[in-house]
Amino acid sequence: MNNAHISSLAIPGSVSSSIPITRKMPAVALLAFGLLTLYFVGFSMAPAAHNATHDTRHASGFPCH
């Protein structure tokens, strides 16, 4: 068997490691921003913002109380 052929085979689970970190950062930053926004609006004292987040959590299936 040819060793060059064996070394070129893809290893399952190694796909994400080939994506440079600079390509992942915008997605990670956007996810963090969204989660932080949801967290702070959910605990805000403004009734409209709190109720909108509360209803969104129930619609998404997340328990909140």
PDB file of N, CA and C in Angstrom:
ATOM      1  N   MET A   1       0.849  -1.174   0.000  1.00  0.00           N
ATOM      2  CA  MET A   1       0.000   0.000   0.000  1.00  0.00           C
ATOM      3  C   MET A   1       0.894   1.236   0.000  1.00  0.00           C
ATOM      4  N   ASN A   2       0.442   2.272  -0.671  1.00  0.00           N
ATOM      5  CA  ASN A   2       1.222   3.492  -0.801  1.00  0.00           C
ATOM      6  C   ASN A   2       1.045   4.366   0.439  1.00  0.00           C
ATOM      7  N   ASN A   3       2.141   4.704   1.102  1.00  0.00           N
ATOM      8  CA  ASN A   3       2.077   5.516   2.327  1.00  0.00           C
ATOM      9  C   ASN A   3       1.579   6.928   2.067  1.00  0.00           C
ATOM     10  N   ALA A   4       1.848   7.485   0.893  1.00  0.00           N
ATOM     11  CA  ALA A   4       1.372   8.830   0.565  1.00  0.00           C
ATOM     12  C   ALA A   4      -0.147   8.855   0.515  1.00  0.00           C
ATOM     13  N   HIS A   5      -0.739   7.778   0.034  1.00  0.00           N
ATOM     14  CA  HIS A   5      -2.199   7.698  -0.036  1.00  0.00           C
ATOM     15  C   HIS A   5      -2.806   7.625   1.364  1.00  0.00           C
ATOM     16  N   ILE A   6      -2.192   6.887   2.258  1.00  0.00           N
ATOM     17  CA  ILE A   6      -2.700   6.747   3.622  1.00  0.00           C
ATOM     18  C   ILE A   6      -2.613   8.074   4.367  1.00  0.00           C
ATOM     19  N   SER A   7      -1.538   8.816   4.198  1.00  0.00           N
ATOM     20  CA  SER A   7      -1.370  10.064   4.930  1.00  0.00           C
ATOM     21  C   SER A   7      -2.315  11.159   4.433  1.00  0.00           C
ATOM     22  N   SER A   8      -2.907  10.976   3.245  1.00  0.00           N
ATOM     23  CA  SER A   8      -3.800  12.006   2.727  1.00  0.00           C
ATOM     24  C   SER A   8      -5.260  11.750   3.096  1.00  0.00           C
ATOM     25  N   LEU A   9      -5.546  10.672   3.801  1.00  0.00           N
ATOM     26  CA  LEU A   9      -6.915  10.369   4.199  1.00  0.00           C
ATOM     27  C   LEU A   9      -7.376  11.330   5.294  1.00  0.00           C
ATOM     28  N   ALA A  10      -8.638  11.713   5.226  1.00  0.00           N
ATOM     29  CA  ALA A  10      -9.194  12.617   6.235  1.00  0.00           C
ATOM     30  C   ALA A  10      -9.520  11.830   7.500  1.00  0.00           C
ATOM     31  N   ILE A  11      -9.248  12.428   8.625  1.00  0.00           N
ATOM     32  CA  ILE A  11      -9.561  11.841   9.919  1.00  0.00           C
ATOM     33  C   ILE A  11     -10.854  12.466  10.415  1.00  0.00           C
ATOM     34  N   PRO A  12     -11.863  11.652  10.741  1.00  0.00           N
ATOM     35  CA  PRO A  12     -13.126  12.230  11.231  1.00  0.00           C
ATOM     36  C   PRO A  12     -12.903  13.099  12.468  1.00  0.00           C
ATOM     37  N   GLY A  13     -13.553  14.242  12.489  1.00  0.00           N
ATOM     38  CA  GLY A  13     -13.423  15.150  13.624  1.00  0.00           C
ATOM     39  C   GLY A  13     -12.294  16.143  13.477  1.00  0.00           C
ATOM     40  N   SER A  14     -11.494  16.020  12.440  1.00  0.00           N
ATOM     41  CA  SER A  14     -10.368  16.935  12.281  1.00  0.00           C
ATOM     42  C   SER A  14     -10.705  18.109  11.382  1.00  0.00           C
ATOM     43  N   VAL A  15     -11.929  18.175  10.880  1.00  0.00           N
ATOM     44  CA  VAL A  15     -12.314  19.238   9.963  1.00  0.00           C
ATOM     45  C   VAL A  15     -12.283  20.589  10.649  1.00  0.00           C
ATOM     46  N   SER A  16     -12.790  20.680  11.868  1.00  0.00           N
ATOM     47  CA  SER A  16     -12.841  21.966  12.558  1.00  0.00           C
ATOM     48  C   SER A  16     -11.456  22.497  12.891  1.00  0.00           C
ATOM     49  N   SER A  17     -10.471  21.632  13.044  1.00  0.00           N
ATOM     50  CA  SER A  17      -9.133  22.100  13.369  1.00  0.00           C
ATOM     51  C   SER A  17      -8.451  22.730  12.162  1.00  0.00           C
ATOM     52  N   SER A  18      -8.970  22.484  10.954  1.00  0.00           N
ATOM     53  CA  SER A  18      -8.353  23.069   9.775  1.00  0.00           C
ATOM     54  C   SER A  18      -8.871  24.480   9.502  1.00  0.00           C
ATOM     55  N   ILE A  19      -9.914  24.907  10.199  1.00  0.00           N
ATOM     56  CA  ILE A  19     -10.436  26.260  10.034  1.00  0.00           C
ATOM     57  C   ILE A  19      -9.616  27.187  10.926  1.00  0.00           C
ATOM     58  N   PRO A  20      -9.013  28.229  10.343  1.00  0.00           N
ATOM     59  CA  PRO A  20      -8.192  29.132  11.157  1.00  0.00           C
ATOM     60  C   PRO A  20      -9.019  29.845  12.232  1.00  0.00           C
ATOM     61  N   ILE A  21      -8.376  30.152  13.331  1.00  0.00           N
ATOM     62  CA  ILE A  21      -9.057  30.809  14.456  1.00  0.00           C
ATOM     63  C   ILE A  21      -9.618  32.169  14.044  1.00  0.00           C
ATOM     64  N   THR A  22      -8.990  32.829  13.079  1.00  0.00           N
ATOM     65  CA  THR A  22      -9.485  34.134  12.632  1.00  0.00           C
ATOM     66  C   THR A  22     -10.834  34.011  11.938  1.00  0.00           C
ATOM     67  N   ARG A  23     -11.163  32.844  11.396  1.00  0.00           N
ATOM     68  CA  ARG A  23     -12.462  32.632  10.773  1.00  0.00           C
ATOM     69  C   ARG A  23     -13.518  32.299  11.807  1.00  0.00           C
ATOM     70  N   LYS A  24     -13.119  31.777  12.961  1.00  0.00           N
ATOM     71  CA  LYS A  24     -14.064  31.388  14.007  1.00  0.00           C
ATOM     72  C   LYS A  24     -14.440  32.552  14.915  1.00  0.00           C
ATOM     73  N   MET A  25     -13.574  33.522  15.051  1.00  0.00           N
ATOM     74  CA  MET A  25     -13.778  34.589  16.026  1.00  0.00           C
ATOM     75  C   MET A  25     -15.055  35.399  15.806  1.00  0.00           C
ATOM     76  N   PRO A  26     -15.421  35.779  14.576  1.00  0.00           N
ATOM     77  CA  PRO A  26     -16.678  36.535  14.430  1.00  0.00           C
ATOM     78  C   PRO A  26     -17.891  35.740  14.900  1.00  0.00           C
ATOM     79  N   ALA A  27     -17.927  34.455  14.639  1.00  0.00           N
ATOM     80  CA  ALA A  27     -19.054  33.635  15.076  1.00  0.00           C
ATOM     81  C   ALA A  27     -19.082  33.526  16.599  1.00  0.00           C
ATOM     82  N   VAL A  28     -17.941  33.359  17.219  1.00  0.00           N
ATOM     83  CA  VAL A  28     -17.867  33.259  18.682  1.00  0.00           C
ATOM     84  C   VAL A  28     -18.265  34.591  19.310  1.00  0.00           C
ATOM     85  N   ALA A  29     -17.801  35.693  18.739  1.00  0.00           N
ATOM     86  CA  ALA A  29     -18.137  37.012  19.266  1.00  0.00           C
ATOM     87  C   ALA A  29     -19.638  37.291  19.130  1.00  0.00           C
ATOM     88  N   LEU A  30     -20.221  36.920  18.006  1.00  0.00           N
ATOM     89  CA  LEU A  30     -21.654  37.136  17.803  1.00  0.00           C
ATOM     90  C   LEU A  30     -22.481  36.285  18.754  1.00  0.00           C
ATOM     91  N   LEU A  31     -22.076  35.056  18.963  1.00  0.00           N
ATOM     92  CA  LEU A  31     -22.777  34.194  19.908  1.00  0.00           C
ATOM     93  C   LEU A  31     -22.694  34.758  21.328  1.00  0.00           C
ATOM     94  N   ALA A  32     -21.513  35.196  21.732  1.00  0.00           N
ATOM     95  CA  ALA A  32     -21.349  35.773  23.070  1.00  0.00           C
ATOM     96  C   ALA A  32     -22.187  37.046  23.224  1.00  0.00           C
ATOM     97  N   PHE A  33     -22.193  37.875  22.205  1.00  0.00           N
ATOM     98  CA  PHE A  33     -22.988  39.109  22.261  1.00  0.00           C
ATOM     99  C   PHE A  33     -24.477  38.790  22.390  1.00  0.00           C
ATOM    100  N   GLY A  34     -24.953  37.846  21.625  1.00  0.00           N
ATOM    101  CA  GLY A  34     -26.363  37.473  21.686  1.00  0.00           C
ATOM    102  C   GLY A  34     -26.750  36.912  23.039  1.00  0.00           C
ATOM    103  N   LEU A  35     -25.913  36.041  23.585  1.00  0.00           N
ATOM    104  CA  LEU A  35     -26.218  35.460  24.896  1.00  0.00           C
ATOM    105  C   LEU A  35     -26.178  36.508  26.000  1.00  0.00           C
ATOM    106  N   LEU A  36     -25.199  37.392  25.948  1.00  0.00           N
ATOM    107  CA  LEU A  36     -25.124  38.457  26.953  1.00  0.00           C
ATOM    108  C   LEU A  36     -26.315  39.413  26.841  1.00  0.00           C
ATOM    109  N   THR A  37     -26.701  39.736  25.625  1.00  0.00           N
ATOM    110  CA  THR A  37     -27.859  40.611  25.434  1.00  0.00           C
ATOM    111  C   THR A  37     -29.119  39.963  25.992  1.00  0.00           C
ATOM    112  N   LEU A  38     -29.317  38.691  25.678  1.00  0.00           N
ATOM    113  CA  LEU A  38     -30.475  37.973  26.197  1.00  0.00           C
ATOM    114  C   LEU A  38     -30.457  37.923  27.715  1.00  0.00           C
ATOM    115  N   TYR A  39     -29.295  37.703  28.303  1.00  0.00           N
ATOM    116  CA  TYR A  39     -29.164  37.628  29.757  1.00  0.00           C
ATOM    117  C   TYR A  39     -29.504  38.971  30.407  1.00  0.00           C
ATOM    118  N   PHE A  40     -28.903  40.063  29.922  1.00  0.00           N
ATOM    119  CA  PHE A  40     -29.114  41.358  30.561  1.00  0.00           C
ATOM    120  C   PHE A  40     -30.515  41.906  30.321  1.00  0.00           C
ATOM    121  N   VAL A  41     -31.076  41.691  29.163  1.00  0.00           N
ATOM    122  CA  VAL A  41     -32.440  42.158  28.916  1.00  0.00           C
ATOM    123  C   VAL A  41     -33.424  41.339  29.745  1.00  0.00           C
ATOM    124  N   GLY A  42     -33.136  40.064  29.916  1.00  0.00           N
ATOM    125  CA  GLY A  42     -34.014  39.218  30.715  1.00  0.00           C
ATOM    126  C   GLY A  42     -34.086  39.628  32.169  1.00  0.00           C
ATOM    127  N   PHE A  43     -33.007  40.198  32.691  1.00  0.00           N
ATOM    128  CA  PHE A  43     -32.989  40.630  34.083  1.00  0.00           C
ATOM    129  C   PHE A  43     -33.175  42.140  34.242  1.00  0.00           C
ATOM    130  N   SER A  44     -33.488  42.833  33.146  1.00  0.00           N
ATOM    131  CA  SER A  44     -33.672  44.278  33.254  1.00  0.00           C
ATOM    132  C   SER A  44     -34.980  44.588  33.967  1.00  0.00           C
ATOM    133  N   MET A  45     -35.077  45.769  34.489  1.00  0.00           N
ATOM    134  CA  MET A  45     -36.273  46.177  35.222  1.00  0.00           C
ATOM    135  C   MET A  45     -37.308  46.818  34.303  1.00  0.00           C
ATOM    136  N   ALA A  46     -36.950  47.107  33.048  1.00  0.00           N
ATOM    137  CA  ALA A  46     -37.914  47.661  32.100  1.00  0.00           C
ATOM    138  C   ALA A  46     -38.919  46.569  31.749  1.00  0.00           C
ATOM    139  N   PRO A  47     -40.187  46.778  32.053  1.00  0.00           N
ATOM    140  CA  PRO A  47     -41.185  45.710  31.849  1.00  0.00           C
ATOM    141  C   PRO A  47     -41.296  45.223  30.405  1.00  0.00           C
ATOM    142  N   ALA A  48     -41.233  46.118  29.436  1.00  0.00           N
ATOM    143  CA  ALA A  48     -41.398  45.704  28.041  1.00  0.00           C
ATOM    144  C   ALA A  48     -40.248  44.800  27.598  1.00  0.00           C
ATOM    145  N   ALA A  49     -39.013  45.176  27.945  1.00  0.00           N
ATOM    146  CA  ALA A  49     -37.848  44.376  27.561  1.00  0.00           C
ATOM    147  C   ALA A  49     -37.855  43.041  28.287  1.00  0.00           C
ATOM    148  N   HIS A  50     -38.186  43.075  29.561  1.00  0.00           N
ATOM    149  CA  HIS A  50     -38.214  41.837  30.339  1.00  0.00           C
ATOM    150  C   HIS A  50     -39.294  40.881  29.820  1.00  0.00           C
ATOM    151  N   ASN A  51     -40.479  41.398  29.546  1.00  0.00           N
ATOM    152  CA  ASN A  51     -41.574  40.550  29.069  1.00  0.00           C
ATOM    153  C   ASN A  51     -41.292  39.969  27.687  1.00  0.00           C
ATOM    154  N   ALA A  52     -40.651  40.751  26.819  1.00  0.00           N
ATOM    155  CA  ALA A  52     -40.303  40.242  25.493  1.00  0.00           C
ATOM    156  C   ALA A  52     -39.310  39.087  25.606  1.00  0.00           C
ATOM    157  N   THR A  53     -38.317  39.228  26.465  1.00  0.00           N
ATOM    158  CA  THR A  53     -37.345  38.158  26.653  1.00  0.00           C
ATOM    159  C   THR A  53     -37.990  36.956  27.313  1.00  0.00           C
ATOM    160  N   HIS A  54     -38.857  37.205  28.273  1.00  0.00           N
ATOM    161  CA  HIS A  54     -39.555  36.130  28.969  1.00  0.00           C
ATOM    162  C   HIS A  54     -40.382  35.304  27.980  1.00  0.00           C
ATOM    163  N   ASP A  55     -41.126  35.983  27.115  1.00  0.00           N
ATOM    164  CA  ASP A  55     -41.945  35.282  26.129  1.00  0.00           C
ATOM    165  C   ASP A  55     -41.082  34.526  25.126  1.00  0.00           C
ATOM    166  N   THR A  56     -39.942  35.098  24.755  1.00  0.00           N
ATOM    167  CA  THR A  56     -39.027  34.424  23.831  1.00  0.00           C
ATOM    168  C   THR A  56     -38.467  33.165  24.463  1.00  0.00           C
ATOM    169  N   ARG A  57     -38.136  33.226  25.739  1.00  0.00           N
ATOM    170  CA  ARG A  57     -37.617  32.031  26.419  1.00  0.00           C
ATOM    171  C   ARG A  57     -38.660  30.937  26.452  1.00  0.00           C
ATOM    172  N   HIS A  58     -39.907  31.289  26.731  1.00  0.00           N
ATOM    173  CA  HIS A  58     -40.966  30.276  26.747  1.00  0.00           C
ATOM    174  C   HIS A  58     -41.186  29.696  25.340  1.00  0.00           C
ATOM    175  N   ALA A  59     -41.164  30.549  24.327  1.00  0.00           N
ATOM    176  CA  ALA A  59     -41.361  30.088  22.943  1.00  0.00           C
ATOM    177  C   ALA A  59     -40.231  29.172  22.508  1.00  0.00           C
ATOM    178  N   SER A  60     -39.021  29.394  23.020  1.00  0.00           N
ATOM    179  CA  SER A  60     -37.870  28.565  22.662  1.00  0.00           C
ATOM    180  C   SER A  60     -37.806  27.282  23.469  1.00  0.00           C
ATOM    181  N   GLY A  61     -38.608  27.182  24.512  1.00  0.00           N
ATOM    182  CA  GLY A  61     -38.623  25.975  25.315  1.00  0.00           C
ATOM    183  C   GLY A  61     -37.700  26.013  26.513  1.00  0.00           C
ATOM    184  N   PHE A  62     -37.151  27.168  26.837  1.00  0.00           N
ATOM    185  CA  PHE A  62     -36.287  27.299  28.008  1.00  0.00           C
ATOM    186  C   PHE A  62     -37.124  27.609  29.244  1.00  0.00           C
ATOM    187  N   PRO A  63     -36.996  26.848  30.285  1.00  0.00           N
ATOM    188  CA  PRO A  63     -37.727  27.182  31.516  1.00  0.00           C
ATOM    189  C   PRO A  63     -37.079  28.386  32.192  1.00  0.00           C
ATOM    190  N   CYS A  64     -37.874  29.217  32.778  1.00  0.00           N
ATOM    191  CA  CYS A  64     -37.305  30.380  33.447  1.00  0.00           C
ATOM    192  C   CYS A  64     -37.850  30.592  34.841  1.00  0.00           C
ATOM    193  N   HIS A  65     -38.814  29.806  35.249  1.00  0.00           N
ATOM    194  CA  HIS A  65     -39.322  29.895  36.625  1.00  0.00           C
ATOM    195  C   HIS A  65     -40.018  28.624  36.989  1.00  0.00           C
TER     196      HIS A  65
END
